[in-house]
N, C-alpha and C. Protein backbone atom coordinates (compact mmCIF):
# COMPACT_ATOMS: atom_id res chain seq x y z
N MET A 1 0.85 -1.09 -0.07
CA MET A 1 0.04 -0.05 0.02
C MET A 1 0.99 1.22 0.10
N GLY A 2 0.63 2.15 -0.97
CA GLY A 2 1.48 3.40 -0.89
C GLY A 2 1.24 4.18 0.16
N PHE A 3 2.17 5.15 0.33
CA PHE A 3 2.35 6.16 1.39
C PHE A 3 1.02 7.04 1.33
N GLU A 4 0.49 7.47 0.24
CA GLU A 4 -0.40 8.45 0.15
C GLU A 4 -1.86 7.78 0.55
N MET A 5 -1.97 6.20 0.18
CA MET A 5 -3.14 5.54 0.52
C MET A 5 -3.13 5.35 2.08
N LYS A 6 -1.90 5.09 2.73
CA LYS A 6 -1.85 4.91 4.16
C LYS A 6 -2.16 6.24 4.91
N LYS A 7 -1.66 7.29 4.40
CA LYS A 7 -1.85 8.57 4.89
C LYS A 7 -3.35 8.77 4.84
N HIS A 8 -4.07 8.49 3.73
CA HIS A 8 -5.63 8.71 3.57
C HIS A 8 -6.53 7.87 4.57
N LEU A 9 -5.91 6.62 4.90
CA LEU A 9 -6.61 5.89 5.82
C LEU A 9 -6.63 6.16 7.30
N LYS A 10 -5.53 7.04 7.69
CA LYS A 10 -5.55 7.25 9.08
C LYS A 10 -6.63 8.11 9.56
N LYS A 11 -6.93 7.58 10.76
CA LYS A 11 -8.21 8.23 11.46
C LYS A 11 -8.02 9.73 11.89
N ASN A 12 -8.91 10.52 11.39
CA ASN A 12 -8.75 11.83 11.99
C ASN A 12 -9.78 12.19 13.11
N TYR A 13 -9.50 13.01 13.94
CA TYR A 13 -10.41 13.48 15.17
C TYR A 13 -10.78 14.87 14.83
N LEU A 14 -11.90 15.23 14.51
CA LEU A 14 -12.20 16.73 14.26
C LEU A 14 -12.78 17.23 15.51
N CYS A 15 -12.26 18.33 15.92
CA CYS A 15 -12.84 19.10 17.18
C CYS A 15 -14.46 19.40 16.82
N SER A 16 -15.23 18.81 17.69
CA SER A 16 -16.69 19.09 17.58
C SER A 16 -17.21 20.46 18.09
N ILE A 17 -16.29 21.05 18.63
CA ILE A 17 -16.71 22.39 19.19
C ILE A 17 -16.43 23.49 18.24
N CYS A 18 -15.10 23.61 17.68
CA CYS A 18 -14.93 24.56 16.68
C CYS A 18 -15.16 24.04 15.21
N LYS A 19 -15.05 22.83 15.19
CA LYS A 19 -15.22 22.17 13.83
C LYS A 19 -14.29 22.59 12.74
N VAL A 20 -13.13 23.04 13.30
CA VAL A 20 -11.88 23.57 12.39
C VAL A 20 -10.57 22.64 12.66
N LYS A 21 -10.26 22.39 13.77
CA LYS A 21 -9.14 21.80 14.10
C LYS A 21 -9.14 20.03 14.04
N CYS A 22 -8.27 19.58 13.37
CA CYS A 22 -8.31 18.12 13.10
C CYS A 22 -6.99 17.56 13.57
N TYR A 23 -7.15 16.37 14.39
CA TYR A 23 -5.91 15.71 14.88
C TYR A 23 -5.87 14.33 14.66
N LEU A 24 -4.68 13.68 14.62
CA LEU A 24 -4.53 12.21 14.40
C LEU A 24 -4.66 11.32 15.52
N THR A 25 -4.78 11.91 16.83
CA THR A 25 -5.08 11.09 18.00
C THR A 25 -5.99 11.97 18.86
N ILE A 26 -6.48 11.04 19.75
CA ILE A 26 -7.53 11.54 20.85
C ILE A 26 -6.65 12.51 21.64
N ARG A 27 -5.47 12.06 21.99
CA ARG A 27 -4.43 12.88 22.99
C ARG A 27 -4.42 14.40 22.36
N GLY A 28 -4.13 14.45 21.10
CA GLY A 28 -3.94 15.73 20.40
C GLY A 28 -5.25 16.57 20.49
N LEU A 29 -6.36 15.86 20.16
CA LEU A 29 -7.64 16.63 20.31
C LEU A 29 -7.87 17.05 21.70
N THR A 30 -7.61 16.09 22.86
CA THR A 30 -7.83 16.64 24.07
C THR A 30 -6.85 17.73 24.65
N ARG A 31 -5.50 17.84 24.08
CA ARG A 31 -4.87 19.14 24.45
C ARG A 31 -5.48 20.16 23.62
N HIS A 32 -5.83 20.04 22.40
CA HIS A 32 -6.51 21.28 21.85
C HIS A 32 -7.72 21.72 22.75
N GLU A 33 -8.56 20.86 23.18
CA GLU A 33 -9.69 21.14 24.03
C GLU A 33 -9.39 22.02 25.16
N ASN A 34 -8.30 21.30 25.96
CA ASN A 34 -8.08 21.95 27.17
C ASN A 34 -7.20 23.34 27.03
N ALA A 35 -6.53 23.61 25.77
CA ALA A 35 -5.90 24.87 25.68
C ALA A 35 -6.94 25.97 25.13
N THR A 36 -7.90 25.49 24.17
CA THR A 36 -8.58 26.45 23.44
C THR A 36 -10.09 26.34 23.98
N HIS A 37 -10.57 25.32 24.58
CA HIS A 37 -12.13 25.23 24.89
C HIS A 37 -12.25 24.91 26.44
N LYS A 38 -11.32 25.34 27.23
CA LYS A 38 -11.22 24.92 28.55
C LYS A 38 -12.53 25.39 29.44
N ASN A 39 -13.32 26.35 28.76
CA ASN A 39 -14.35 26.87 29.51
C ASN A 39 -15.80 26.36 28.71
N TYR A 40 -15.65 25.47 27.84
CA TYR A 40 -16.87 24.88 27.19
C TYR A 40 -17.42 23.89 28.33
N ASN A 41 -18.70 24.19 28.62
CA ASN A 41 -19.42 23.30 29.58
C ASN A 41 -20.85 23.16 29.18
N ILE A 42 -21.26 22.99 27.90
CA ILE A 42 -22.60 22.92 27.49
C ILE A 42 -22.67 21.37 27.72
N ILE A 43 -23.86 21.10 28.33
CA ILE A 43 -24.23 19.71 28.56
C ILE A 43 -24.89 19.13 27.28
N GLN A 44 -24.52 17.71 26.96
CA GLN A 44 -24.79 17.31 25.86
C GLN A 44 -26.49 16.95 25.74
N PRO A 45 -27.15 17.00 24.66
CA PRO A 45 -28.57 16.82 24.65
C PRO A 45 -28.77 15.39 24.81
N GLY A 46 -30.10 15.11 25.06
CA GLY A 46 -30.66 13.50 25.14
C GLY A 46 -30.51 12.98 26.42
N ILE A 47 -29.87 13.58 27.58
CA ILE A 47 -29.60 12.92 28.78
C ILE A 47 -30.89 12.74 29.45
N SER A 48 -31.18 11.76 30.07
CA SER A 48 -32.43 11.45 30.75
C SER A 48 -32.56 12.39 31.92
N GLN A 49 -33.74 12.91 32.27
CA GLN A 49 -33.90 13.63 33.50
C GLN A 49 -34.46 12.61 34.54
N LEU A 50 -33.78 12.39 35.57
CA LEU A 50 -34.05 11.38 36.66
C LEU A 50 -35.15 11.98 37.50
N PRO A 51 -36.02 11.08 38.16
CA PRO A 51 -36.88 11.64 39.01
C PRO A 51 -36.25 12.19 40.28
N ALA A 52 -36.74 13.05 41.03
CA ALA A 52 -36.27 13.94 42.21
C ALA A 52 -35.93 12.89 43.27
N ASP A 53 -36.58 11.94 43.57
CA ASP A 53 -36.17 10.98 44.73
C ASP A 53 -34.95 10.09 44.35
N HIS A 54 -34.79 9.96 43.02
CA HIS A 54 -33.58 9.07 42.46
C HIS A 54 -32.32 10.04 42.80
N ILE A 55 -32.47 11.23 42.32
CA ILE A 55 -31.45 12.34 42.44
C ILE A 55 -31.05 12.42 43.96
N ALA A 56 -32.16 12.49 45.01
CA ALA A 56 -31.92 12.59 46.24
C ALA A 56 -31.21 11.43 47.01
N GLU A 57 -31.42 10.39 46.47
CA GLU A 57 -30.79 8.98 46.97
C GLU A 57 -29.32 9.21 46.50
N PHE A 58 -29.09 9.64 45.35
CA PHE A 58 -27.71 9.52 44.87
C PHE A 58 -26.88 10.54 45.69
N LYS A 59 -27.46 11.90 46.02
CA LYS A 59 -26.70 12.67 46.87
C LYS A 59 -26.39 12.03 48.07
N ARG A 60 -27.27 11.18 48.73
CA ARG A 60 -26.94 10.76 49.88
C ARG A 60 -25.83 9.58 49.86
N MET A 61 -25.77 8.99 48.75
CA MET A 61 -24.68 8.10 48.42
C MET A 61 -23.35 8.80 48.40
N LEU A 62 -23.31 10.15 47.68
CA LEU A 62 -22.13 10.85 47.62
C LEU A 62 -21.44 11.10 48.95
N VAL A 63 -22.69 11.82 49.81
CA VAL A 63 -22.07 12.19 51.17
C VAL A 63 -21.55 11.05 51.94
N HIS A 64 -22.20 9.75 51.82
CA HIS A 64 -21.71 8.70 52.58
C HIS A 64 -20.41 8.29 52.13
N ALA A 65 -19.96 8.32 50.71
CA ALA A 65 -18.74 8.05 50.18
C ALA A 65 -17.59 8.98 50.80
N ILE A 66 -18.02 10.10 50.84
CA ILE A 66 -17.06 11.11 51.14
C ILE A 66 -16.82 11.00 52.66
N GLN A 67 -17.87 10.81 53.48
CA GLN A 67 -17.75 10.50 54.81
C GLN A 67 -16.69 9.43 55.19
N LYS A 68 -16.68 8.49 54.44
CA LYS A 68 -15.82 7.22 54.62
C LYS A 68 -14.46 7.58 54.54
N ARG A 69 -14.18 8.57 53.77
CA ARG A 69 -13.00 9.09 53.34
C ARG A 69 -12.43 10.36 54.49
N LEU A 70 -13.03 10.20 55.48
CA LEU A 70 -12.70 11.26 56.55
C LEU A 70 -12.26 10.66 57.92
N PRO A 71 -11.25 9.84 57.94
CA PRO A 71 -10.76 9.10 59.10
C PRO A 71 -10.04 10.18 60.07
N LEU A 72 -10.04 9.84 61.26
CA LEU A 72 -9.47 10.81 62.30
C LEU A 72 -7.91 10.65 62.27
N HIS A 73 -7.29 9.41 62.09
CA HIS A 73 -5.99 9.00 62.25
C HIS A 73 -4.99 10.01 61.65
N PHE A 74 -4.16 10.63 62.31
CA PHE A 74 -3.04 11.69 61.59
C PHE A 74 -2.45 11.18 60.48
N SER A 75 -2.06 9.91 60.24
CA SER A 75 -1.42 9.55 59.02
C SER A 75 -2.37 9.48 57.93
N ARG A 76 -3.64 9.71 58.01
CA ARG A 76 -4.65 9.72 56.93
C ARG A 76 -4.93 11.11 56.27
N SER A 77 -4.25 12.09 56.81
CA SER A 77 -4.32 13.47 56.27
C SER A 77 -4.02 13.49 54.80
N GLY A 78 -4.34 14.58 54.26
CA GLY A 78 -3.84 14.67 52.82
C GLY A 78 -4.93 14.37 51.67
N LYS A 79 -4.39 14.08 50.67
CA LYS A 79 -5.13 13.59 49.37
C LYS A 79 -6.13 12.42 49.54
N GLN A 80 -7.13 12.62 49.29
CA GLN A 80 -8.27 11.34 49.04
C GLN A 80 -8.90 11.20 47.61
N LEU A 81 -9.16 10.13 47.42
CA LEU A 81 -10.15 9.71 46.33
C LEU A 81 -11.23 9.05 46.44
N VAL A 82 -12.41 9.36 45.82
CA VAL A 82 -13.48 8.80 45.98
C VAL A 82 -13.87 8.38 44.59
N LYS A 83 -14.33 7.07 44.24
CA LYS A 83 -14.61 6.71 42.79
C LYS A 83 -15.55 5.55 43.04
N PHE A 84 -16.48 5.66 42.27
CA PHE A 84 -17.58 4.51 41.97
C PHE A 84 -18.49 4.71 40.79
N PRO A 85 -19.07 3.63 40.39
CA PRO A 85 -20.03 3.80 38.99
C PRO A 85 -20.90 4.90 39.18
N CYS A 86 -21.41 5.36 38.26
CA CYS A 86 -22.25 6.45 38.21
C CYS A 86 -22.84 6.74 36.70
N THR A 87 -23.97 6.82 36.36
CA THR A 87 -24.44 7.20 35.30
C THR A 87 -24.36 8.75 34.91
N GLU A 88 -24.36 9.01 33.64
CA GLU A 88 -24.23 10.28 33.16
C GLU A 88 -25.47 11.20 33.58
N SER A 89 -26.63 10.48 33.70
CA SER A 89 -27.83 11.09 34.12
C SER A 89 -27.65 11.57 35.58
N GLN A 90 -27.28 10.71 36.33
CA GLN A 90 -27.06 10.97 37.81
C GLN A 90 -26.10 12.25 37.95
N PHE A 91 -24.96 12.03 37.27
CA PHE A 91 -23.96 13.22 37.52
C PHE A 91 -24.62 14.59 36.96
N VAL A 92 -25.23 14.53 35.95
CA VAL A 92 -25.74 15.95 35.46
C VAL A 92 -26.82 16.15 36.20
N GLY A 93 -27.64 15.36 36.71
CA GLY A 93 -28.62 15.66 37.67
C GLY A 93 -28.29 16.34 38.92
N VAL A 94 -27.06 16.07 39.53
CA VAL A 94 -26.61 16.63 40.58
C VAL A 94 -25.82 17.86 40.39
N PHE A 95 -24.64 17.73 39.46
CA PHE A 95 -23.86 18.82 39.21
C PHE A 95 -24.03 19.68 38.01
N GLY A 96 -25.11 19.29 37.20
CA GLY A 96 -25.40 20.04 36.14
C GLY A 96 -25.04 21.60 35.98
N ARG A 97 -25.53 22.26 36.99
CA ARG A 97 -25.44 23.77 37.00
C ARG A 97 -23.94 24.23 37.33
N TYR A 98 -23.07 23.30 37.76
CA TYR A 98 -21.75 23.64 38.27
C TYR A 98 -20.59 23.10 37.21
N ILE A 99 -20.96 22.50 36.15
CA ILE A 99 -19.97 21.88 35.34
C ILE A 99 -18.97 22.78 34.77
N THR A 100 -17.55 22.74 35.01
CA THR A 100 -16.76 23.72 34.49
C THR A 100 -16.34 23.57 33.06
N GLN A 101 -16.03 22.17 32.75
CA GLN A 101 -15.82 21.74 31.38
C GLN A 101 -16.26 20.56 31.01
N PHE A 102 -16.81 20.56 29.69
CA PHE A 102 -17.09 19.26 29.13
C PHE A 102 -16.19 18.89 27.88
N SER A 103 -15.52 17.84 27.90
CA SER A 103 -14.77 17.39 26.64
C SER A 103 -15.44 16.37 25.85
N PRO A 104 -15.65 16.86 24.72
CA PRO A 104 -16.28 15.86 23.62
C PRO A 104 -15.50 14.68 23.28
N ALA A 105 -14.13 15.01 23.49
CA ALA A 105 -13.17 14.18 22.92
C ALA A 105 -13.08 12.82 23.92
N LYS A 106 -13.25 13.22 25.08
CA LYS A 106 -13.14 12.23 26.19
C LYS A 106 -14.57 11.82 26.82
N SER A 107 -15.63 12.60 26.28
CA SER A 107 -17.01 12.37 26.84
C SER A 107 -16.80 12.49 28.37
N SER A 108 -16.12 13.64 29.03
CA SER A 108 -15.82 13.77 30.44
C SER A 108 -16.54 15.12 30.73
N TYR A 109 -16.97 15.04 31.93
CA TYR A 109 -17.39 16.40 32.72
C TYR A 109 -16.40 16.65 33.65
N TYR A 110 -16.28 17.94 34.00
CA TYR A 110 -15.40 18.26 35.10
C TYR A 110 -15.93 19.48 35.89
N CYS A 111 -15.82 19.24 37.19
CA CYS A 111 -16.18 20.37 38.17
C CYS A 111 -15.21 20.69 39.18
N ILE A 112 -15.06 21.83 39.38
CA ILE A 112 -14.00 22.19 40.41
C ILE A 112 -14.65 23.44 41.47
N PHE A 113 -14.52 22.91 42.80
CA PHE A 113 -15.00 23.76 43.96
C PHE A 113 -13.89 24.27 44.66
N LYS A 114 -13.83 25.64 44.79
CA LYS A 114 -12.90 26.11 45.70
C LYS A 114 -13.35 27.43 46.28
N GLY A 115 -12.50 28.17 47.04
CA GLY A 115 -12.98 29.32 47.47
C GLY A 115 -13.57 29.32 48.90
N GLU A 116 -14.06 30.53 49.44
CA GLU A 116 -14.49 30.82 50.69
C GLU A 116 -16.01 30.17 50.72
N ASN A 117 -16.54 30.25 49.58
CA ASN A 117 -18.05 29.91 49.54
C ASN A 117 -18.28 28.42 49.03
N ALA A 118 -17.25 27.73 48.74
CA ALA A 118 -17.29 26.51 48.13
C ALA A 118 -17.92 25.43 49.19
N ASP A 119 -17.82 25.51 50.27
CA ASP A 119 -18.38 24.78 51.28
C ASP A 119 -19.93 24.82 51.28
N ASN A 120 -20.40 26.07 51.21
CA ASN A 120 -21.97 26.30 51.26
C ASN A 120 -22.46 26.03 49.84
N ILE A 121 -21.87 26.00 48.79
CA ILE A 121 -22.38 25.75 47.42
C ILE A 121 -22.56 24.22 47.43
N LEU A 122 -21.52 23.39 47.99
CA LEU A 122 -21.66 21.81 48.07
C LEU A 122 -22.71 21.50 48.99
N SER A 123 -22.85 22.24 49.99
CA SER A 123 -23.90 21.82 51.14
C SER A 123 -25.27 21.95 50.41
N GLU A 124 -25.43 23.08 49.49
CA GLU A 124 -26.87 23.16 48.96
C GLU A 124 -26.96 22.14 47.71
N ILE A 125 -25.67 21.69 47.04
CA ILE A 125 -25.99 20.69 46.04
C ILE A 125 -26.40 19.24 46.61
N VAL A 126 -25.66 18.98 47.76
CA VAL A 126 -26.00 17.51 48.17
C VAL A 126 -26.90 17.50 49.34
N GLU A 127 -27.49 18.73 49.75
CA GLU A 127 -28.48 19.18 50.82
C GLU A 127 -28.11 18.48 52.27
N ASP A 128 -26.88 18.77 52.44
CA ASP A 128 -26.34 18.22 53.81
C ASP A 128 -25.57 19.25 54.25
N GLN A 129 -25.68 19.97 55.29
CA GLN A 129 -24.71 20.89 55.95
C GLN A 129 -23.32 20.46 56.37
N GLN A 130 -23.48 19.07 56.75
CA GLN A 130 -22.16 18.48 57.51
C GLN A 130 -21.48 17.34 56.56
N TRP A 131 -21.84 17.57 55.11
CA TRP A 131 -21.29 16.62 54.22
C TRP A 131 -19.72 16.50 54.33
N GLY A 132 -18.99 17.60 54.63
CA GLY A 132 -17.65 17.50 54.54
C GLY A 132 -16.84 17.56 55.85
N THR A 133 -17.48 17.24 56.90
CA THR A 133 -17.01 17.06 58.27
C THR A 133 -17.50 15.91 58.93
N ARG A 134 -16.52 15.14 59.62
CA ARG A 134 -16.92 14.00 60.47
C ARG A 134 -16.45 14.16 61.73
N PHE A 135 -17.33 14.11 62.76
CA PHE A 135 -16.91 14.40 64.10
C PHE A 135 -16.71 13.09 64.95
N TYR A 136 -15.83 13.12 65.91
CA TYR A 136 -15.36 12.07 66.73
C TYR A 136 -15.62 12.50 68.17
N ASP A 137 -15.04 11.58 69.11
CA ASP A 137 -15.02 11.79 70.55
C ASP A 137 -14.31 13.17 71.00
N SER A 138 -14.69 13.81 71.89
CA SER A 138 -14.01 14.91 72.57
C SER A 138 -13.86 16.11 71.66
N GLY A 139 -14.72 16.27 70.64
CA GLY A 139 -14.68 17.42 69.92
C GLY A 139 -13.62 17.35 68.80
N GLN A 140 -13.08 16.10 68.50
CA GLN A 140 -12.20 15.97 67.28
C GLN A 140 -13.06 15.75 65.98
N CYS A 141 -12.45 16.21 65.01
CA CYS A 141 -13.13 15.92 63.57
C CYS A 141 -12.01 15.91 62.55
N ALA A 142 -12.48 15.59 61.42
CA ALA A 142 -11.94 15.32 60.03
C ALA A 142 -12.71 16.05 59.15
N TYR A 143 -11.93 17.08 58.20
CA TYR A 143 -12.85 17.77 57.48
C TYR A 143 -12.24 17.97 56.04
N VAL A 144 -12.97 18.21 55.15
CA VAL A 144 -12.54 18.43 53.63
C VAL A 144 -12.15 19.98 53.71
N ILE A 145 -10.81 20.08 52.91
CA ILE A 145 -10.10 21.45 52.97
C ILE A 145 -10.66 22.13 51.58
N LEU A 146 -11.47 23.21 51.68
CA LEU A 146 -11.86 23.93 50.39
C LEU A 146 -11.33 25.24 50.34
N TYR A 147 -11.00 25.61 51.58
CA TYR A 147 -10.49 27.29 51.72
C TYR A 147 -9.50 27.41 52.73
N ILE A 148 -8.33 27.87 52.39
CA ILE A 148 -7.47 28.25 53.46
C ILE A 148 -7.18 29.55 53.60
N GLU A 149 -7.66 30.20 54.94
CA GLU A 149 -7.47 31.60 55.23
C GLU A 149 -6.16 32.02 55.32
N ASN A 150 -5.20 31.21 56.09
CA ASN A 150 -3.95 31.59 56.35
C ASN A 150 -3.22 30.58 55.40
N LEU A 151 -3.14 31.02 54.05
CA LEU A 151 -2.58 30.02 53.15
C LEU A 151 -1.12 29.40 53.21
N ASN A 152 -0.14 30.25 53.49
CA ASN A 152 1.24 29.74 53.71
C ASN A 152 1.32 28.87 54.84
N GLN A 153 0.83 29.37 56.03
CA GLN A 153 0.98 28.64 57.13
C GLN A 153 0.35 27.33 57.29
N GLN A 154 -0.94 27.04 56.67
CA GLN A 154 -1.57 25.98 56.77
C GLN A 154 -1.02 24.94 55.51
N GLN A 155 -0.58 25.60 54.54
CA GLN A 155 0.07 24.89 53.42
C GLN A 155 1.27 23.99 53.97
N LEU A 156 2.10 24.66 54.86
CA LEU A 156 3.24 24.17 55.46
C LEU A 156 2.88 23.22 56.30
N SER A 157 1.71 23.25 57.20
CA SER A 157 1.32 22.28 58.20
C SER A 157 0.90 21.03 57.57
N LEU A 158 0.05 21.19 56.44
CA LEU A 158 -0.44 20.12 55.51
C LEU A 158 0.82 19.30 54.93
N GLN A 159 1.67 20.14 54.51
CA GLN A 159 3.02 19.57 54.00
C GLN A 159 3.84 18.41 54.79
N GLN A 160 3.93 19.03 56.08
CA GLN A 160 4.62 18.35 56.94
C GLN A 160 3.89 16.93 57.42
N LYS A 161 2.54 17.11 57.35
CA LYS A 161 1.70 15.83 57.78
C LYS A 161 1.73 14.87 56.56
N GLU A 162 1.76 15.11 55.13
CA GLU A 162 1.75 14.37 54.04
C GLU A 162 3.25 13.80 53.91
N ASN A 163 4.31 14.65 54.21
CA ASN A 163 5.68 14.28 54.18
C ASN A 163 5.94 13.64 52.95
N SER A 164 5.45 14.26 51.88
CA SER A 164 5.60 13.81 50.46
C SER A 164 6.52 14.86 49.49
N GLN A 165 6.78 15.97 50.06
CA GLN A 165 7.40 16.85 49.40
C GLN A 165 8.30 17.75 50.27
N THR A 166 9.33 18.42 49.72
CA THR A 166 10.24 19.25 50.68
C THR A 166 9.55 20.59 50.80
N GLU A 167 9.98 21.42 51.56
CA GLU A 167 9.69 22.75 51.81
C GLU A 167 9.72 23.62 50.41
N SER A 168 11.07 23.50 49.83
CA SER A 168 11.32 24.23 48.69
C SER A 168 10.21 23.73 47.53
N SER A 169 9.89 22.53 47.36
CA SER A 169 9.16 22.08 46.36
C SER A 169 7.78 22.44 46.58
N LEU A 170 7.53 22.76 47.87
CA LEU A 170 6.04 23.33 48.27
C LEU A 170 5.86 24.58 47.65
N LYS A 171 6.89 25.41 47.65
CA LYS A 171 6.56 26.69 47.05
C LYS A 171 6.28 26.65 45.38
N LYS A 172 6.92 25.58 44.86
CA LYS A 172 6.75 25.40 43.57
C LYS A 172 5.46 24.86 43.17
N GLN A 173 4.92 24.04 44.03
CA GLN A 173 3.69 23.17 43.84
C GLN A 173 2.77 23.22 45.09
N PRO A 174 2.13 24.44 45.32
CA PRO A 174 1.35 24.62 46.68
C PRO A 174 0.20 23.64 46.62
N ILE A 175 -0.11 23.19 47.77
CA ILE A 175 -1.22 22.39 47.87
C ILE A 175 -2.39 22.94 47.66
N GLN A 176 -3.38 22.43 46.80
CA GLN A 176 -4.57 23.07 46.36
C GLN A 176 -5.74 22.70 47.40
N SER A 177 -6.45 23.94 47.93
CA SER A 177 -7.55 23.60 48.72
C SER A 177 -8.78 23.79 47.87
N GLU A 178 -9.05 22.47 47.18
CA GLU A 178 -10.22 22.59 46.28
C GLU A 178 -10.60 21.14 45.91
N MET A 179 -11.63 20.94 45.59
CA MET A 179 -12.29 19.55 45.19
C MET A 179 -12.33 19.42 43.77
N HIS A 180 -11.86 18.45 43.02
CA HIS A 180 -11.94 18.06 41.65
C HIS A 180 -13.11 16.86 41.62
N ILE A 181 -14.09 17.16 40.77
CA ILE A 181 -15.01 16.20 40.56
C ILE A 181 -15.20 15.92 38.93
N GLN A 182 -15.05 14.59 38.67
CA GLN A 182 -15.18 14.25 37.16
C GLN A 182 -15.99 13.15 36.95
N TRP A 183 -16.68 13.07 35.68
CA TRP A 183 -17.42 12.01 35.29
C TRP A 183 -16.87 11.59 33.96
N TYR A 184 -16.53 10.22 33.83
CA TYR A 184 -16.04 9.67 32.63
C TYR A 184 -16.53 8.17 32.42
N THR A 185 -16.06 7.54 31.28
CA THR A 185 -16.46 6.15 31.19
C THR A 185 -15.24 5.41 31.22
N GLU A 186 -15.28 4.13 31.48
CA GLU A 186 -14.22 3.02 31.50
C GLU A 186 -14.85 1.91 30.68
N SER A 187 -13.86 1.39 29.83
CA SER A 187 -14.21 0.18 29.01
C SER A 187 -13.17 -0.78 29.13
N LEU A 188 -13.78 -2.13 28.81
CA LEU A 188 -12.83 -3.20 28.94
C LEU A 188 -13.33 -4.35 27.92
N SER A 189 -12.65 -5.11 27.52
CA SER A 189 -12.89 -6.30 26.56
C SER A 189 -12.04 -7.43 26.87
N ASP A 190 -12.39 -8.53 26.33
CA ASP A 190 -11.69 -9.77 26.51
C ASP A 190 -11.24 -10.37 25.15
N THR A 191 -10.58 -11.30 25.20
CA THR A 191 -9.97 -11.99 23.95
C THR A 191 -11.20 -12.54 23.01
N LYS A 192 -12.22 -12.72 23.40
CA LYS A 192 -13.18 -13.20 22.55
C LYS A 192 -14.18 -12.00 21.92
N GLY A 193 -13.79 -10.78 22.18
CA GLY A 193 -14.44 -9.72 21.58
C GLY A 193 -15.59 -9.17 22.58
N HIS A 194 -15.79 -9.79 23.84
CA HIS A 194 -16.78 -9.21 24.50
C HIS A 194 -16.36 -7.88 25.30
N SER A 195 -17.21 -7.01 25.05
CA SER A 195 -16.81 -5.62 25.88
C SER A 195 -17.91 -4.92 26.67
N THR A 196 -17.43 -4.30 27.69
CA THR A 196 -18.45 -3.72 28.57
C THR A 196 -17.85 -2.38 28.97
N SER A 197 -18.76 -1.40 29.36
CA SER A 197 -18.33 -0.01 29.71
C SER A 197 -19.28 0.41 30.86
N SER A 198 -18.81 1.49 31.41
CA SER A 198 -19.59 1.91 32.79
C SER A 198 -19.05 3.38 32.97
N GLY A 199 -19.97 4.29 33.20
CA GLY A 199 -19.61 5.63 33.74
C GLY A 199 -19.28 5.65 35.32
N TYR A 200 -18.18 6.51 35.66
CA TYR A 200 -17.79 6.63 36.86
C TYR A 200 -17.69 8.07 37.19
N ILE A 201 -17.81 8.26 38.67
CA ILE A 201 -17.64 9.60 39.29
C ILE A 201 -16.33 9.51 40.00
N SER A 202 -15.49 10.59 40.03
CA SER A 202 -14.25 10.53 40.60
C SER A 202 -14.13 11.93 41.34
N ILE A 203 -13.88 11.90 42.69
CA ILE A 203 -13.84 13.05 43.50
C ILE A 203 -12.48 13.06 44.20
N ILE A 204 -11.71 14.10 43.98
CA ILE A 204 -10.46 14.23 44.58
C ILE A 204 -10.39 15.43 45.51
N PHE A 205 -9.80 15.36 46.71
CA PHE A 205 -9.96 16.35 47.68
C PHE A 205 -8.90 16.07 48.75
N ARG A 206 -8.64 17.16 49.48
CA ARG A 206 -7.78 16.90 50.79
C ARG A 206 -8.44 17.06 51.95
N ILE A 207 -7.98 16.56 53.13
CA ILE A 207 -8.52 16.75 54.35
C ILE A 207 -7.53 16.95 55.50
N ASP A 208 -7.98 17.49 56.44
CA ASP A 208 -7.15 17.75 57.67
C ASP A 208 -8.07 17.48 58.93
N HIS A 209 -7.21 17.68 60.02
CA HIS A 209 -7.98 17.00 61.58
C HIS A 209 -7.91 18.47 62.30
N ASP A 210 -8.80 18.25 63.39
CA ASP A 210 -8.97 19.34 64.34
C ASP A 210 -8.87 18.36 65.59
N TYR A 211 -7.86 18.41 66.36
CA TYR A 211 -7.93 17.69 67.69
C TYR A 211 -7.98 18.59 69.03
N GLU A 212 -8.98 19.15 69.01
CA GLU A 212 -9.19 20.08 70.29
C GLU A 212 -9.52 19.21 71.48
C-alpha cells in the first residue's frame, strides 16, 4: 500500500466544538480542547432527566462515600480519592449547573469547587450541611479543605503531615484547597471480543483534622 493511501486511511479526530481543528490522535484533540475550549461546559442533549427521589438518593450516596474518606488518624491526612460507578444522568442531575468543562473528545465532565463559599455551595448541592466534616469523640473532627484563610501557614502544616514533598518544592507546587469532580467512562474487553463499559464519578480532595 502506497504512502498516500496509508495517509488517507489514518483516522482523523475533528474538534466538535470549533469544527476547524483536526488531529490524528485523541490525545492531540484533548490537548486542543484543554488549551482552546477549557471553558466549554455545554451539557450534551438527550440525557435522561431522573426523578427527584432518585437524585436525592444519589446525593446521600455521595455524602456517605465522602464521609468514609474522613478518618481521624493523623497519618490519613492529605489527598483522598472517591470513585464509584455513576450514570451520566446521575452526574448531570446533581452537578449540571456547576460543570466547569465538558470534553467531547473524552466524553468527560469536570467540576472544580474552591474558595470561601465552596463549602456552602456543596452543602446546597448535596442538601447536607455536614457533608464535609466527620465528628469524633472529645470534639475531634476530620474535614475537607476547600478554603485556607492563612494560606502559607496551613499549606506548610499540611505538607509536614503528608511528608511527600520538601519545603522548597512546596513553594513550586502549593497544595490546592479545592475539590475536583469528574465524570467519565471506562471500557474493557476480553480476547473473545466481549466488551463492557460504565460511567464513573471521581472526586479528589484533601482533608485535615482538628484535635481540640
